[in-house]
Amino acid sequence: MINPRIILEKLVARLEAKIGKVTLADLNESDESSNRHRYSTGRLSHVEALRLARSALRKGNEPEITLAAQVAPMLEREGNKLADARRQSVASGNRKAGGVTRGAHLAEDADREWAPWVAEYNDRIARGQKHTVARQAVIASMTRAEFVLSATRKFPSDRTIRERLPRPKNMEVS
C-alpha cells in the first residue's frame, strides 16, 4: 500500500498549484451566491480537499492521515469534474452565441441585398398587378441587373425568390 502521507503531500502540491492561495472568502459559508459559483467551478471541492489534507498532515495522527488520503482525492476528482463541466458549458455557450450573432448579421445582409427587389415587387402589388405577373417582372429586372446573391455568387433559386417575394396574405387562391 502507498504511504497515505505521500498521497496527501502530492495532493496538497497539486491543489496549491491549481487553485492558488485560499482566502477567507473561500472559507466563508454565509454568502450563498458566491458559494454556488465556487461549487459550480469546482473551487469549493478543491478548497475542502486542500483544507482536509493540510489539517491531517499538520496533526500527524496516522488514522486521520489515512482517512484524509481516501477522502481528499475524491473531493479533488469532484472538483475537477465540476470545473470541466463548467468550462464545457461556457465554451458551448460562446459557440452558440457566436453562431446566433453571425446568423443575424447574415440575415441583415440578405435583407439589405433584397430590399430594392422587394420594394419593386410590393410597389407593383400596390398598383394592382397580380402577384405572379409582379414576380415575373421583378425576376426580369433582377436578370437585367445581373443580380447574384453575395453568399453564393449565383442567381437566386425559384424557392428563394418565392420566399422573398411571397403571395400577398390577403389574396385568394385562384
Protein backbone atom coordinates (compact mmCIF):
# COMPACT_ATOMS: atom_id res chain seq x y z
CA MET A 1 0.00 0.00 0.00
CA ILE A 2 1.19 3.51 -0.81
CA ASN A 3 2.05 5.69 2.14
CA PRO A 4 -1.01 7.94 2.80
CA ARG A 5 1.28 10.80 3.86
CA ILE A 6 2.86 10.83 0.36
CA ILE A 7 -0.61 10.83 -1.25
CA LEU A 8 -1.61 13.87 0.80
CA GLU A 9 1.65 15.74 0.19
CA LYS A 10 1.30 15.29 -3.59
CA LEU A 11 -2.36 16.29 -3.44
CA VAL A 12 -1.52 19.44 -1.49
CA ALA A 13 1.17 20.38 -4.02
CA ARG A 14 -1.22 19.75 -6.96
CA LEU A 15 -4.09 21.73 -5.45
CA GLU A 16 -1.92 24.63 -4.32
CA ALA A 17 -0.65 24.95 -7.90
CA LYS A 18 -4.19 24.66 -9.30
CA ILE A 19 -6.21 26.94 -7.02
CA GLY A 20 -3.54 29.25 -5.66
CA LYS A 21 -3.95 30.97 -2.33
CA VAL A 22 -7.01 30.05 -0.26
CA THR A 23 -8.64 33.21 1.08
CA LEU A 24 -11.13 33.81 3.86
CA ALA A 25 -13.82 34.26 1.18
CA ASP A 26 -13.26 30.63 0.17
CA LEU A 27 -14.00 29.53 3.72
CA ASN A 28 -16.99 31.86 4.23
CA GLU A 29 -20.13 29.74 4.05
CA SER A 30 -22.69 32.52 4.66
CA ASP A 31 -22.73 34.01 1.14
CA GLU A 32 -24.98 31.67 -0.86
CA SER A 33 -24.47 33.15 -4.34
CA SER A 34 -20.68 33.05 -4.17
CA ASN A 35 -20.83 29.54 -2.67
CA ARG A 36 -22.95 28.46 -5.65
CA HIS A 37 -20.37 29.93 -8.01
CA ARG A 38 -17.45 28.31 -6.16
CA TYR A 39 -19.27 24.98 -6.20
CA SER A 40 -20.08 25.14 -9.94
CA THR A 41 -16.45 25.94 -10.79
CA GLY A 42 -15.12 23.14 -8.56
CA ARG A 43 -13.23 25.54 -6.32
CA LEU A 44 -15.28 24.67 -3.24
CA SER A 45 -14.41 20.96 -3.56
CA HIS A 46 -10.75 21.75 -4.20
CA VAL A 47 -10.56 24.08 -1.19
CA GLU A 48 -12.21 21.47 1.04
CA ALA A 49 -9.80 18.75 -0.16
CA LEU A 50 -6.82 21.05 0.42
CA ARG A 51 -8.06 22.03 3.88
CA LEU A 52 -8.65 18.39 4.86
CA ALA A 53 -5.23 17.27 3.62
CA ARG A 54 -3.35 20.14 5.30
CA SER A 55 -5.20 19.57 8.57
CA ALA A 56 -4.40 15.84 8.63
CA LEU A 57 -0.73 16.44 7.80
CA ARG A 58 -0.42 19.14 10.43
CA LYS A 59 -1.90 16.94 13.18
CA GLY A 60 0.24 13.96 12.23
CA ASN A 61 -2.36 11.49 13.52
CA GLU A 62 -1.97 8.32 11.37
CA PRO A 63 -5.66 7.24 11.35
CA GLU A 64 -6.66 10.79 10.36
CA ILE A 65 -3.99 10.90 7.62
CA THR A 66 -5.24 7.56 6.26
CA LEU A 67 -8.84 8.77 6.22
CA ALA A 68 -7.86 12.08 4.60
CA ALA A 69 -5.83 10.20 1.97
CA GLN A 70 -9.04 8.40 0.98
CA VAL A 71 -11.47 11.35 1.12
CA ALA A 72 -9.37 14.25 -0.23
CA PRO A 73 -8.70 12.66 -3.66
CA MET A 74 -12.45 12.08 -4.06
CA LEU A 75 -13.08 15.76 -3.36
CA GLU A 76 -10.35 16.69 -5.84
CA ARG A 77 -11.93 14.50 -8.56
CA GLU A 78 -15.35 16.01 -7.87
CA GLY A 79 -13.86 19.50 -8.19
CA ASN A 80 -12.14 18.53 -11.46
CA LYS A 81 -15.41 17.18 -12.88
CA LEU A 82 -17.29 20.33 -11.92
CA ALA A 83 -14.56 22.57 -13.36
CA ASP A 84 -14.51 20.59 -16.63
CA ALA A 85 -18.31 20.73 -16.91
CA ARG A 86 -18.23 24.47 -16.29
CA ARG A 87 -15.54 25.02 -18.96
CA GLN A 88 -17.50 22.98 -21.50
CA SER A 89 -20.71 24.82 -20.68
CA VAL A 90 -19.06 28.21 -21.13
CA ALA A 91 -17.36 27.14 -24.36
CA SER A 92 -20.60 25.72 -25.74
CA GLY A 93 -22.47 28.91 -24.85
CA ASN A 94 -19.87 31.03 -26.59
CA ARG A 95 -20.08 28.90 -29.74
CA LYS A 96 -23.86 29.13 -29.79
CA ALA A 97 -23.83 32.86 -29.15
CA GLY A 98 -21.29 33.35 -31.92
CA GLY A 99 -23.41 31.33 -34.34
CA VAL A 100 -26.57 33.24 -33.47
CA THR A 101 -24.79 36.56 -33.92
CA ARG A 102 -23.29 35.53 -37.24
CA GLY A 103 -26.68 34.27 -38.45
CA ALA A 104 -28.32 37.57 -37.51
CA HIS A 105 -25.66 39.50 -39.45
CA LEU A 106 -26.10 37.27 -42.49
CA ALA A 107 -29.89 37.73 -42.37
CA GLU A 108 -29.48 41.52 -42.14
CA ASP A 109 -27.11 41.50 -45.11
CA ALA A 110 -29.53 39.37 -47.13
CA ASP A 111 -32.45 41.69 -46.27
CA ARG A 112 -30.42 44.70 -47.36
CA GLU A 113 -29.45 42.90 -50.58
CA TRP A 114 -33.07 42.04 -51.39
CA ALA A 115 -34.55 45.41 -50.33
CA PRO A 116 -34.75 47.01 -53.83
CA TRP A 117 -36.37 43.92 -55.35
CA VAL A 118 -38.86 43.52 -52.51
CA ALA A 119 -39.72 47.23 -52.78
CA GLU A 120 -40.31 46.92 -56.53
CA TYR A 121 -42.48 43.83 -56.01
CA ASN A 122 -44.55 45.50 -53.26
CA ASP A 123 -44.94 48.61 -55.41
CA ARG A 124 -46.27 46.53 -58.32
CA ILE A 125 -48.69 44.69 -56.00
CA ALA A 126 -49.87 48.02 -54.56
CA ARG A 127 -50.59 49.27 -58.10
CA GLY A 128 -52.93 46.31 -58.58
CA GLN A 129 -50.70 43.97 -60.55
CA LYS A 130 -51.24 40.25 -59.99
CA HIS A 131 -48.55 38.76 -57.74
CA THR A 132 -47.42 36.25 -60.37
CA VAL A 133 -47.04 38.97 -63.01
CA ALA A 134 -45.30 41.26 -60.50
CA ARG A 135 -42.91 38.47 -59.52
CA GLN A 136 -42.05 37.71 -63.17
CA ALA A 137 -41.41 41.42 -63.83
CA VAL A 138 -39.11 41.64 -60.79
CA ILE A 139 -37.26 38.48 -61.90
CA ALA A 140 -36.76 40.08 -65.32
CA SER A 141 -35.37 43.22 -63.63
CA MET A 142 -33.07 41.10 -61.49
CA THR A 143 -31.81 39.27 -64.57
CA ARG A 144 -31.18 42.53 -66.45
CA ALA A 145 -29.27 43.88 -63.44
CA GLU A 146 -27.29 40.61 -63.26
CA PHE A 147 -28.27 40.23 -59.61
CA VAL A 148 -26.44 37.46 -57.71
CA LEU A 149 -26.59 36.52 -54.06
CA SER A 150 -23.47 37.60 -52.19
CA ALA A 151 -23.43 34.32 -50.23
CA THR A 152 -23.44 32.03 -53.28
CA ARG A 153 -22.42 34.34 -56.15
CA LYS A 154 -25.34 32.81 -58.09
CA PHE A 155 -28.78 33.93 -59.22
CA PRO A 156 -31.36 33.04 -56.51
CA SER A 157 -33.28 29.78 -56.82
CA ASP A 158 -37.02 29.72 -57.54
CA ARG A 159 -37.68 28.74 -53.93
CA THR A 160 -35.65 31.68 -52.59
CA ILE A 161 -37.47 34.05 -54.91
CA ARG A 162 -40.85 32.69 -53.73
CA GLU A 163 -39.78 33.14 -50.10
CA ARG A 164 -38.56 36.70 -50.65
CA LEU A 165 -41.41 37.71 -52.96
CA PRO A 166 -44.37 35.82 -51.45
CA ARG A 167 -48.01 35.85 -52.43
CA PRO A 168 -49.80 38.62 -50.52
CA LYS A 169 -51.59 37.33 -47.42
CA ASN A 170 -54.99 38.82 -48.28
CA MET A 171 -55.14 37.24 -51.79
CA GLU A 172 -57.49 34.42 -52.63
CA VAL A 173 -56.09 31.37 -54.39
CA SER A 174 -57.32 31.27 -57.98
